[in-house]
Protein backbone atom coordinates (compact mmCIF):
# COMPACT_ATOMS: atom_id res chain seq x y z
CA UNK A 1 -0.06 0.01 -0.01
CA UNK A 2 2.86 2.41 0.84
CA UNK A 3 4.61 1.84 -2.47
CA UNK A 4 1.44 2.10 -4.56
CA UNK A 5 2.42 -1.23 -6.29
CA UNK A 6 0.07 -4.20 -6.10
CA UNK A 7 2.83 -6.70 -5.95
CA UNK A 8 5.41 -4.76 -3.89
CA UNK A 9 5.68 -7.52 -1.29
CA UNK A 10 6.54 -10.01 -4.09
CA UNK A 11 9.10 -7.63 -5.56
CA UNK A 12 10.79 -7.35 -2.12
CA UNK A 13 10.67 -11.16 -1.71
CA UNK A 14 12.49 -11.66 -5.05
CA UNK A 15 15.38 -9.57 -3.65
CA UNK A 16 15.58 -11.38 -0.31
CA UNK A 17 18.03 -14.07 -1.49
CA UNK A 18 20.60 -11.41 -2.28
CA UNK A 19 20.21 -9.89 1.21
CA UNK A 20 20.45 -13.32 2.92
CA UNK A 21 23.50 -14.27 0.91
CA UNK A 22 25.18 -10.97 1.89
CA UNK A 23 24.32 -11.52 5.52
CA UNK A 24 25.51 -15.04 5.64
CA UNK A 25 28.93 -13.83 4.34
CA UNK A 26 29.24 -11.80 7.50
CA UNK A 27 28.39 -14.55 9.93
CA UNK A 28 30.89 -17.22 11.04
CA UNK A 29 29.96 -20.78 10.31
CA UNK A 30 29.94 -21.71 13.94
CA UNK A 31 27.34 -19.04 14.68
CA UNK A 32 24.78 -20.75 12.47
CA UNK A 33 22.29 -23.24 14.05
CA UNK A 34 22.90 -26.71 12.72
CA UNK A 35 19.85 -28.48 14.16
CA UNK A 36 16.27 -27.32 13.82
CA UNK A 37 13.16 -29.37 13.65
CA UNK A 38 11.39 -26.75 11.61
CA UNK A 39 14.23 -26.81 9.10
CA UNK A 40 13.91 -30.63 8.87
CA UNK A 41 10.19 -30.29 8.16
CA UNK A 42 10.80 -27.67 5.49
CA UNK A 43 13.56 -29.80 3.84
CA UNK A 44 11.17 -32.70 3.62
CA UNK A 45 8.55 -30.43 1.91
CA UNK A 46 11.05 -29.12 -0.62
CA UNK A 47 11.94 -32.62 -1.67
CA UNK A 48 8.31 -32.96 -2.74
CA UNK A 49 7.70 -29.51 -4.15
CA UNK A 50 11.12 -29.03 -5.82
CA UNK A 51 11.08 -25.42 -4.60
CA UNK A 52 14.06 -23.67 -3.06
CA UNK A 53 13.99 -23.45 0.78
CA UNK A 54 13.15 -19.74 0.56
CA UNK A 55 10.46 -20.28 -2.01
CA UNK A 56 8.95 -23.12 0.21
CA UNK A 57 8.88 -21.00 3.37
CA UNK A 58 7.35 -18.04 1.44
CA UNK A 59 4.83 -20.28 -0.34
CA UNK A 60 3.65 -21.68 2.99
CA UNK A 61 3.22 -18.22 4.46
CA UNK A 62 2.31 -15.88 1.56
CA UNK A 63 0.73 -17.91 -1.19
CA UNK A 64 -2.39 -15.82 -1.02
CA UNK A 65 -0.59 -12.48 -1.79
CA UNK A 66 -0.52 -11.18 -5.31
CA UNK A 67 2.30 -12.62 -7.37
CA UNK A 68 3.24 -15.50 -4.86
CA UNK A 69 1.16 -17.96 -6.79
CA UNK A 70 4.00 -18.11 -9.28
CA UNK A 71 6.31 -19.84 -6.90
């Protein structure tokens, strides 16, 4: 609503992988959590859906927003 674009959230989403990648470059490997039951559940879903992990998380939470049906 603030941007005046119907699919502004989707446009933001499409740029998230760049931001996440940049952030992960600044974090040491030992700071990352290695075990997470939610992550295990998501990984099992992406094996079925063939989506990327980010697409799967987004699809599960935002599929009803304009543009996200294309994931």
